[in-house]
PDB file of N, CA and C in Angstrom:
ATOM      1  N   MET A   1     -17.506 -11.355 -13.076  1.00  0.00           N
ATOM      2  CA  MET A   1     -16.747 -11.851 -11.949  1.00  0.00           C
ATOM      3  C   MET A   1     -15.275 -11.488 -12.141  1.00  0.00           C
ATOM      4  N   SER A   2     -14.607 -11.159 -11.065  1.00  0.00           N
ATOM      5  CA  SER A   2     -13.210 -10.746 -11.121  1.00  0.00           C
ATOM      6  C   SER A   2     -12.299 -11.967 -11.236  1.00  0.00           C
ATOM      7  N   ASP A   3     -11.236 -11.814 -12.014  1.00  0.00           N
ATOM      8  CA  ASP A   3     -10.282 -12.911 -12.162  1.00  0.00           C
ATOM      9  C   ASP A   3      -9.020 -12.680 -11.340  1.00  0.00           C
ATOM     10  N   LYS A   4      -9.108 -11.806 -10.347  1.00  0.00           N
ATOM     11  CA  LYS A   4      -7.977 -11.559  -9.451  1.00  0.00           C
ATOM     12  C   LYS A   4      -7.833 -12.729  -8.482  1.00  0.00           C
ATOM     13  N   PRO A   5      -6.598 -13.069  -8.126  1.00  0.00           N
ATOM     14  CA  PRO A   5      -6.404 -14.130  -7.134  1.00  0.00           C
ATOM     15  C   PRO A   5      -6.873 -13.681  -5.750  1.00  0.00           C
ATOM     16  N   ALA A   6      -7.221 -14.636  -4.919  1.00  0.00           N
ATOM     17  CA  ALA A   6      -7.689 -14.329  -3.565  1.00  0.00           C
ATOM     18  C   ALA A   6      -6.605 -13.577  -2.800  1.00  0.00           C
ATOM     19  N   GLY A   7      -6.991 -12.463  -2.196  1.00  0.00           N
ATOM     20  CA  GLY A   7      -6.060 -11.649  -1.426  1.00  0.00           C
ATOM     21  C   GLY A   7      -5.493 -10.475  -2.194  1.00  0.00           C
ATOM     22  N   ALA A   8      -5.630 -10.477  -3.519  1.00  0.00           N
ATOM     23  CA  ALA A   8      -5.075  -9.397  -4.335  1.00  0.00           C
ATOM     24  C   ALA A   8      -5.784  -8.068  -4.064  1.00  0.00           C
ATOM     25  N   GLU A   9      -7.004  -8.127  -3.550  1.00  0.00           N
ATOM     26  CA  GLU A   9      -7.743  -6.891  -3.262  1.00  0.00           C
ATOM     27  C   GLU A   9      -7.115  -6.092  -2.126  1.00  0.00           C
ATOM     28  N   LYS A  10      -6.242  -6.705  -1.362  1.00  0.00           N
ATOM     29  CA  LYS A  10      -5.559  -6.021  -0.262  1.00  0.00           C
ATOM     30  C   LYS A  10      -4.324  -5.250  -0.730  1.00  0.00           C
ATOM     31  N   LYS A  11      -3.886  -5.495  -1.951  1.00  0.00           N
ATOM     32  CA  LYS A  11      -2.637  -4.914  -2.460  1.00  0.00           C
ATOM     33  C   LYS A  11      -2.657  -3.391  -2.440  1.00  0.00           C
ATOM     34  N   LEU A  12      -3.677  -2.786  -2.981  1.00  0.00           N
ATOM     35  CA  LEU A  12      -3.732  -1.331  -3.075  1.00  0.00           C
ATOM     36  C   LEU A  12      -3.785  -0.691  -1.689  1.00  0.00           C
ATOM     37  N   ALA A  13      -4.645  -1.206  -0.822  1.00  0.00           N
ATOM     38  CA  ALA A  13      -4.766  -0.638   0.531  1.00  0.00           C
ATOM     39  C   ALA A  13      -3.464  -0.806   1.313  1.00  0.00           C
ATOM     40  N   ALA A  14      -2.860  -1.992   1.242  1.00  0.00           N
ATOM     41  CA  ALA A  14      -1.605  -2.237   1.964  1.00  0.00           C
ATOM     42  C   ALA A  14      -0.478  -1.377   1.408  1.00  0.00           C
ATOM     43  N   GLY A  15      -0.419  -1.235   0.102  1.00  0.00           N
ATOM     44  CA  GLY A  15       0.632  -0.430  -0.516  1.00  0.00           C
ATOM     45  C   GLY A  15       0.526   1.038  -0.155  1.00  0.00           C
ATOM     46  N   ILE A  16      -0.667   1.590  -0.238  1.00  0.00           N
ATOM     47  CA  ILE A  16      -0.852   3.008   0.089  1.00  0.00           C
ATOM     48  C   ILE A  16      -0.611   3.261   1.573  1.00  0.00           C
ATOM     49  N   CYS A  17      -1.116   2.376   2.425  1.00  0.00           N
ATOM     50  CA  CYS A  17      -0.884   2.554   3.864  1.00  0.00           C
ATOM     51  C   CYS A  17       0.592   2.378   4.207  1.00  0.00           C
ATOM     52  N   GLY A  18       1.284   1.490   3.505  1.00  0.00           N
ATOM     53  CA  GLY A  18       2.722   1.338   3.721  1.00  0.00           C
ATOM     54  C   GLY A  18       3.469   2.611   3.379  1.00  0.00           C
ATOM     55  N   ILE A  19       3.058   3.263   2.305  1.00  0.00           N
ATOM     56  CA  ILE A  19       3.722   4.498   1.881  1.00  0.00           C
ATOM     57  C   ILE A  19       3.380   5.657   2.813  1.00  0.00           C
ATOM     58  N   LEU A  20       2.105   5.808   3.148  1.00  0.00           N
ATOM     59  CA  LEU A  20       1.676   6.969   3.930  1.00  0.00           C
ATOM     60  C   LEU A  20       1.779   6.778   5.446  1.00  0.00           C
ATOM     61  N   LEU A  21       1.521   5.569   5.929  1.00  0.00           N
ATOM     62  CA  LEU A  21       1.485   5.305   7.373  1.00  0.00           C
ATOM     63  C   LEU A  21       2.429   4.169   7.761  1.00  0.00           C
ATOM     64  N   GLY A  22       3.503   4.024   7.019  1.00  0.00           N
ATOM     65  CA  GLY A  22       4.415   2.897   7.216  1.00  0.00           C
ATOM     66  C   GLY A  22       4.977   2.771   8.614  1.00  0.00           C
ATOM     67  N   ALA A  23       5.256   3.883   9.253  1.00  0.00           N
ATOM     68  CA  ALA A  23       5.844   3.847  10.587  1.00  0.00           C
ATOM     69  C   ALA A  23       4.891   3.247  11.619  1.00  0.00           C
ATOM     70  N   LEU A  24       3.604   3.302  11.343  1.00  0.00           N
ATOM     71  CA  LEU A  24       2.619   2.768  12.293  1.00  0.00           C
ATOM     72  C   LEU A  24       2.299   1.295  12.037  1.00  0.00           C
ATOM     73  N   GLY A  25       2.780   0.741  10.940  1.00  0.00           N
ATOM     74  CA  GLY A  25       2.573  -0.671  10.645  1.00  0.00           C
ATOM     75  C   GLY A  25       1.164  -1.012  10.195  1.00  0.00           C
ATOM     76  N   ILE A  26       0.391  -0.030   9.764  1.00  0.00           N
ATOM     77  CA  ILE A  26      -0.995  -0.270   9.363  1.00  0.00           C
ATOM     78  C   ILE A  26      -1.061  -1.276   8.210  1.00  0.00           C
ATOM     79  N   HIS A  27      -0.113  -1.214   7.290  1.00  0.00           N
ATOM     80  CA  HIS A  27      -0.107  -2.139   6.158  1.00  0.00           C
ATOM     81  C   HIS A  27       0.048  -3.589   6.619  1.00  0.00           C
ATOM     82  N   LYS A  28       0.747  -3.801   7.717  1.00  0.00           N
ATOM     83  CA  LYS A  28       0.893  -5.159   8.252  1.00  0.00           C
ATOM     84  C   LYS A  28      -0.441  -5.677   8.795  1.00  0.00           C
ATOM     85  N   PHE A  29      -1.175  -4.802   9.484  1.00  0.00           N
ATOM     86  CA  PHE A  29      -2.481  -5.192  10.011  1.00  0.00           C
ATOM     87  C   PHE A  29      -3.446  -5.521   8.879  1.00  0.00           C
ATOM     88  N   ILE A  30      -3.393  -4.773   7.785  1.00  0.00           N
ATOM     89  CA  ILE A  30      -4.267  -5.027   6.635  1.00  0.00           C
ATOM     90  C   ILE A  30      -4.019  -6.420   6.064  1.00  0.00           C
ATOM     91  N   LEU A  31      -2.764  -6.832   6.056  1.00  0.00           N
ATOM     92  CA  LEU A  31      -2.412  -8.147   5.520  1.00  0.00           C
ATOM     93  C   LEU A  31      -2.585  -9.273   6.535  1.00  0.00           C
ATOM     94  N   GLY A  32      -2.969  -8.935   7.754  1.00  0.00           N
ATOM     95  CA  GLY A  32      -3.186  -9.960   8.772  1.00  0.00           C
ATOM     96  C   GLY A  32      -1.947 -10.316   9.567  1.00  0.00           C
ATOM     97  N   TYR A  33      -0.896  -9.537   9.446  1.00  0.00           N
ATOM     98  CA  TYR A  33       0.341  -9.772  10.194  1.00  0.00           C
ATOM     99  C   TYR A  33       0.299  -8.950  11.482  1.00  0.00           C
ATOM    100  N   THR A  34      -0.467  -9.407  12.438  1.00  0.00           N
ATOM    101  CA  THR A  34      -0.673  -8.644  13.668  1.00  0.00           C
ATOM    102  C   THR A  34       0.618  -8.466  14.454  1.00  0.00           C
ATOM    103  N   THR A  35       1.374  -9.526  14.630  1.00  0.00           N
ATOM    104  CA  THR A  35       2.618  -9.447  15.402  1.00  0.00           C
ATOM    105  C   THR A  35       3.587  -8.449  14.771  1.00  0.00           C
ATOM    106  N   GLU A  36       3.748  -8.527  13.463  1.00  0.00           N
ATOM    107  CA  GLU A  36       4.664  -7.621  12.775  1.00  0.00           C
ATOM    108  C   GLU A  36       4.162  -6.179  12.835  1.00  0.00           C
ATOM    109  N   GLY A  37       2.843  -5.990  12.757  1.00  0.00           N
ATOM    110  CA  GLY A  37       2.266  -4.657  12.881  1.00  0.00           C
ATOM    111  C   GLY A  37       2.521  -4.055  14.245  1.00  0.00           C
ATOM    112  N   ILE A  38       2.360  -4.870  15.286  1.00  0.00           N
ATOM    113  CA  ILE A  38       2.621  -4.399  16.654  1.00  0.00           C
ATOM    114  C   ILE A  38       4.101  -4.073  16.822  1.00  0.00           C
ATOM    115  N   ILE A  39       4.974  -4.898  16.246  1.00  0.00           N
ATOM    116  CA  ILE A  39       6.415  -4.638  16.324  1.00  0.00           C
ATOM    117  C   ILE A  39       6.741  -3.281  15.697  1.00  0.00           C
ATOM    118  N   MET A  40       6.187  -3.012  14.521  1.00  0.00           N
ATOM    119  CA  MET A  40       6.470  -1.730  13.859  1.00  0.00           C
ATOM    120  C   MET A  40       5.892  -0.561  14.647  1.00  0.00           C
ATOM    121  N   LEU A  41       4.694  -0.717  15.161  1.00  0.00           N
ATOM    122  CA  LEU A  41       4.052   0.353  15.922  1.00  0.00           C
ATOM    123  C   LEU A  41       4.836   0.662  17.192  1.00  0.00           C
ATOM    124  N   VAL A  42       5.173  -0.358  17.955  1.00  0.00           N
ATOM    125  CA  VAL A  42       5.908  -0.155  19.208  1.00  0.00           C
ATOM    126  C   VAL A  42       7.317   0.376  18.926  1.00  0.00           C
ATOM    127  N   ALA A  43       7.980  -0.188  17.919  1.00  0.00           N
ATOM    128  CA  ALA A  43       9.325   0.284  17.575  1.00  0.00           C
ATOM    129  C   ALA A  43       9.280   1.754  17.177  1.00  0.00           C
ATOM    130  N   SER A  44       8.282   2.120  16.409  1.00  0.00           N
ATOM    131  CA  SER A  44       8.159   3.508  15.982  1.00  0.00           C
ATOM    132  C   SER A  44       7.934   4.432  17.171  1.00  0.00           C
ATOM    133  N   LEU A  45       7.044   4.049  18.078  1.00  0.00           N
ATOM    134  CA  LEU A  45       6.760   4.893  19.235  1.00  0.00           C
ATOM    135  C   LEU A  45       7.937   4.964  20.204  1.00  0.00           C
ATOM    136  N   VAL A  46       8.517   3.817  20.512  1.00  0.00           N
ATOM    137  CA  VAL A  46       9.621   3.778  21.482  1.00  0.00           C
ATOM    138  C   VAL A  46      10.872   4.431  20.896  1.00  0.00           C
ATOM    139  N   LEU A  47      11.247   4.013  19.689  1.00  0.00           N
ATOM    140  CA  LEU A  47      12.437   4.609  19.077  1.00  0.00           C
ATOM    141  C   LEU A  47      12.218   6.086  18.794  1.00  0.00           C
ATOM    142  N   GLY A  48      11.007   6.435  18.402  1.00  0.00           N
ATOM    143  CA  GLY A  48      10.700   7.843  18.154  1.00  0.00           C
ATOM    144  C   GLY A  48      10.836   8.682  19.399  1.00  0.00           C
ATOM    145  N   PHE A  49      10.434   8.142  20.531  1.00  0.00           N
ATOM    146  CA  PHE A  49      10.527   8.867  21.799  1.00  0.00           C
ATOM    147  C   PHE A  49      11.985   9.057  22.218  1.00  0.00           C
ATOM    148  N   PHE A  50      12.759   7.982  22.168  1.00  0.00           N
ATOM    149  CA  PHE A  50      14.131   8.045  22.665  1.00  0.00           C
ATOM    150  C   PHE A  50      15.120   8.685  21.694  1.00  0.00           C
ATOM    151  N   THR A  51      14.742   8.818  20.426  1.00  0.00           N
ATOM    152  CA  THR A  51      15.666   9.398  19.455  1.00  0.00           C
ATOM    153  C   THR A  51      15.103  10.671  18.814  1.00  0.00           C
ATOM    154  N   CYS A  52      14.127  11.264  19.476  1.00  0.00           N
ATOM    155  CA  CYS A  52      13.500  12.506  18.974  1.00  0.00           C
ATOM    156  C   CYS A  52      12.961  12.346  17.557  1.00  0.00           C
ATOM    157  N   GLY A  53      12.436  11.191  17.239  1.00  0.00           N
ATOM    158  CA  GLY A  53      11.800  10.950  15.953  1.00  0.00           C
ATOM    159  C   GLY A  53      12.658  10.263  14.920  1.00  0.00           C
ATOM    160  N   ALA A  54      13.957  10.213  15.122  1.00  0.00           N
ATOM    161  CA  ALA A  54      14.833   9.596  14.121  1.00  0.00           C
ATOM    162  C   ALA A  54      14.551   8.099  13.973  1.00  0.00           C
ATOM    163  N   GLY A  55      14.308   7.425  15.071  1.00  0.00           N
ATOM    164  CA  GLY A  55      13.998   5.997  15.024  1.00  0.00           C
ATOM    165  C   GLY A  55      12.693   5.725  14.307  1.00  0.00           C
ATOM    166  N   ALA A  56      11.710   6.571  14.546  1.00  0.00           N
ATOM    167  CA  ALA A  56      10.422   6.426  13.861  1.00  0.00           C
ATOM    168  C   ALA A  56      10.580   6.657  12.368  1.00  0.00           C
ATOM    169  N   ALA A  57      11.481   7.550  11.992  1.00  0.00           N
ATOM    170  CA  ALA A  57      11.734   7.799  10.573  1.00  0.00           C
ATOM    171  C   ALA A  57      12.312   6.560   9.900  1.00  0.00           C
ATOM    172  N   VAL A  58      13.184   5.844  10.599  1.00  0.00           N
ATOM    173  CA  VAL A  58      13.764   4.616  10.052  1.00  0.00           C
ATOM    174  C   VAL A  58      12.670   3.574   9.845  1.00  0.00           C
ATOM    175  N   VAL A  59      11.798   3.411  10.823  1.00  0.00           N
ATOM    176  CA  VAL A  59      10.688   2.462  10.700  1.00  0.00           C
ATOM    177  C   VAL A  59       9.757   2.911   9.570  1.00  0.00           C
ATOM    178  N   GLY A  60       9.561   4.211   9.429  1.00  0.00           N
ATOM    179  CA  GLY A  60       8.745   4.742   8.346  1.00  0.00           C
ATOM    180  C   GLY A  60       9.336   4.447   6.976  1.00  0.00           C
ATOM    181  N   ILE A  61      10.647   4.500   6.869  1.00  0.00           N
ATOM    182  CA  ILE A  61      11.314   4.187   5.602  1.00  0.00           C
ATOM    183  C   ILE A  61      11.111   2.714   5.251  1.00  0.00           C
ATOM    184  N   ILE A  62      11.149   1.859   6.254  1.00  0.00           N
ATOM    185  CA  ILE A  62      10.874   0.435   6.022  1.00  0.00           C
ATOM    186  C   ILE A  62       9.451   0.270   5.478  1.00  0.00           C
ATOM    187  N   GLY A  63       8.494   0.959   6.087  1.00  0.00           N
ATOM    188  CA  GLY A  63       7.113   0.909   5.604  1.00  0.00           C
ATOM    189  C   GLY A  63       6.984   1.449   4.194  1.00  0.00           C
ATOM    190  N   LEU A  64       7.690   2.537   3.893  1.00  0.00           N
ATOM    191  CA  LEU A  64       7.676   3.118   2.551  1.00  0.00           C
ATOM    192  C   LEU A  64       8.190   2.115   1.518  1.00  0.00           C
ATOM    193  N   ILE A  65       9.295   1.480   1.828  1.00  0.00           N
ATOM    194  CA  ILE A  65       9.873   0.484   0.916  1.00  0.00           C
ATOM    195  C   ILE A  65       8.908  -0.672   0.710  1.00  0.00           C
ATOM    196  N   GLU A  66       8.309  -1.157   1.789  1.00  0.00           N
ATOM    197  CA  GLU A  66       7.367  -2.267   1.664  1.00  0.00           C
ATOM    198  C   GLU A  66       6.148  -1.858   0.843  1.00  0.00           C
ATOM    199  N   GLY A  67       5.644  -0.644   1.048  1.00  0.00           N
ATOM    200  CA  GLY A  67       4.500  -0.175   0.272  1.00  0.00           C
ATOM    201  C   GLY A  67       4.809  -0.129  -1.215  1.00  0.00           C
ATOM    202  N   ILE A  68       5.989   0.357  -1.558  1.00  0.00           N
ATOM    203  CA  ILE A  68       6.394   0.408  -2.970  1.00  0.00           C
ATOM    204  C   ILE A  68       6.524  -0.995  -3.540  1.00  0.00           C
ATOM    205  N   ILE A  69       7.105  -1.898  -2.767  1.00  0.00           N
ATOM    206  CA  ILE A  69       7.242  -3.290  -3.222  1.00  0.00           C
ATOM    207  C   ILE A  69       5.866  -3.899  -3.469  1.00  0.00           C
ATOM    208  N   TYR A  70       4.927  -3.693  -2.553  1.00  0.00           N
ATOM    209  CA  TYR A  70       3.573  -4.240  -2.730  1.00  0.00           C
ATOM    210  C   TYR A  70       2.949  -3.743  -4.024  1.00  0.00           C
ATOM    211  N   LEU A  71       3.053  -2.440  -4.281  1.00  0.00           N
ATOM    212  CA  LEU A  71       2.386  -1.853  -5.441  1.00  0.00           C
ATOM    213  C   LEU A  71       3.055  -2.217  -6.764  1.00  0.00           C
ATOM    214  N   THR A  72       4.320  -2.587  -6.735  1.00  0.00           N
ATOM    215  CA  THR A  72       5.006  -2.936  -7.976  1.00  0.00           C
ATOM    216  C   THR A  72       4.864  -4.418  -8.329  1.00  0.00           C
ATOM    217  N   LYS A  73       4.366  -5.222  -7.430  1.00  0.00           N
ATOM    218  CA  LYS A  73       4.126  -6.644  -7.714  1.00  0.00           C
ATOM    219  C   LYS A  73       2.852  -6.788  -8.542  1.00  0.00           C
ATOM    220  N   SER A  74       2.804  -7.817  -9.368  1.00  0.00           N
ATOM    221  CA  SER A  74       1.548  -8.127 -10.054  1.00  0.00           C
ATOM    222  C   SER A  74       0.570  -8.674  -9.009  1.00  0.00           C
ATOM    223  N   ASP A  75      -0.707  -8.666  -9.337  1.00  0.00           N
ATOM    224  CA  ASP A  75      -1.708  -9.194  -8.404  1.00  0.00           C
ATOM    225  C   ASP A  75      -1.415 -10.650  -8.049  1.00  0.00           C
ATOM    226  N   GLU A  76      -0.997 -11.428  -9.031  1.00  0.00           N
ATOM    227  CA  GLU A  76      -0.704 -12.846  -8.806  1.00  0.00           C
ATOM    228  C   GLU A  76       0.494 -13.017  -7.871  1.00  0.00           C
ATOM    229  N   ASP A  77       1.561 -12.251  -8.137  1.00  0.00           N
ATOM    230  CA  ASP A  77       2.756 -12.340  -7.294  1.00  0.00           C
ATOM    231  C   ASP A  77       2.455 -11.868  -5.871  1.00  0.00           C
ATOM    232  N   PHE A  78       1.721 -10.757  -5.753  1.00  0.00           N
ATOM    233  CA  PHE A  78       1.374 -10.239  -4.432  1.00  0.00           C
ATOM    234  C   PHE A  78       0.602 -11.277  -3.631  1.00  0.00           C
ATOM    235  N   ALA A  79      -0.425 -11.856  -4.238  1.00  0.00           N
ATOM    236  CA  ALA A  79      -1.244 -12.852  -3.536  1.00  0.00           C
ATOM    237  C   ALA A  79      -0.421 -14.090  -3.168  1.00  0.00           C
ATOM    238  N   ARG A  80       0.432 -14.532  -4.099  1.00  0.00           N
ATOM    239  CA  ARG A  80       1.241 -15.722  -3.842  1.00  0.00           C
ATOM    240  C   ARG A  80       2.262 -15.491  -2.721  1.00  0.00           C
ATOM    241  N   ILE A  81       2.926 -14.342  -2.739  1.00  0.00           N
ATOM    242  CA  ILE A  81       4.006 -14.076  -1.787  1.00  0.00           C
ATOM    243  C   ILE A  81       3.479 -13.638  -0.425  1.00  0.00           C
ATOM    244  N   TYR A  82       2.561 -12.648  -0.408  1.00  0.00           N
ATOM    245  CA  TYR A  82       2.184 -12.013   0.856  1.00  0.00           C
ATOM    246  C   TYR A  82       0.892 -12.530   1.471  1.00  0.00           C
ATOM    247  N   VAL A  83       0.003 -13.106   0.667  1.00  0.00           N
ATOM    248  CA  VAL A  83      -1.251 -13.610   1.225  1.00  0.00           C
ATOM    249  C   VAL A  83      -1.151 -15.116   1.456  1.00  0.00           C
ATOM    250  N   GLN A  84      -0.784 -15.857   0.423  1.00  0.00           N
ATOM    251  CA  GLN A  84      -0.679 -17.306   0.559  1.00  0.00           C
ATOM    252  C   GLN A  84       0.625 -17.726   1.238  1.00  0.00           C
ATOM    253  N   GLY A  85       1.743 -17.099   0.846  1.00  0.00           N
ATOM    254  CA  GLY A  85       3.049 -17.450   1.385  1.00  0.00           C
ATOM    255  C   GLY A  85       3.357 -16.831   2.730  1.00  0.00           C
ATOM    256  N   LYS A  86       2.567 -15.839   3.133  1.00  0.00           N
ATOM    257  CA  LYS A  86       2.721 -15.161   4.436  1.00  0.00           C
ATOM    258  C   LYS A  86       4.132 -14.637   4.659  1.00  0.00           C
ATOM    259  N   LYS A  87       4.736 -14.035   3.625  1.00  0.00           N
ATOM    260  CA  LYS A  87       6.050 -13.414   3.782  1.00  0.00           C
ATOM    261  C   LYS A  87       5.839 -12.077   4.458  1.00  0.00           C
ATOM    262  N   ALA A  88       6.272 -11.938   5.694  1.00  0.00           N
ATOM    263  CA  ALA A  88       5.936 -10.769   6.514  1.00  0.00           C
ATOM    264  C   ALA A  88       6.855  -9.569   6.288  1.00  0.00           C
ATOM    265  N   TRP A  89       8.096  -9.793   5.941  1.00  0.00           N
ATOM    266  CA  TRP A  89       9.043  -8.675   5.812  1.00  0.00           C
ATOM    267  C   TRP A  89       9.617  -8.643   4.413  1.00  0.00           C
ATOM    268  N   PHE A  90       9.588  -7.462   3.795  1.00  0.00           N
ATOM    269  CA  PHE A  90      10.113  -7.205   2.456  1.00  0.00           C
ATOM    270  C   PHE A  90       9.717  -8.313   1.521  1.00  0.00           C
TER     271      PHE A  90
END
């Protein structure tokens, strides 16, 4: 039996999706943050359209930073902060 805390299994998927697909907010959906995921997706599409992609790049950088933060946390810290504590941003 695994001794990982509940929710820690989402860490790897959320971290990788944050790094690779951060601008689309996929990592937020994985963690159950639907509102925040929609905000990132819409911001990326709208800002990307009106700024020829520069706005989407900014949203992507936010996703990249969040993905790195997720992967550098211990399983216990990740579960406590992002799954149990529901900290949606950074």
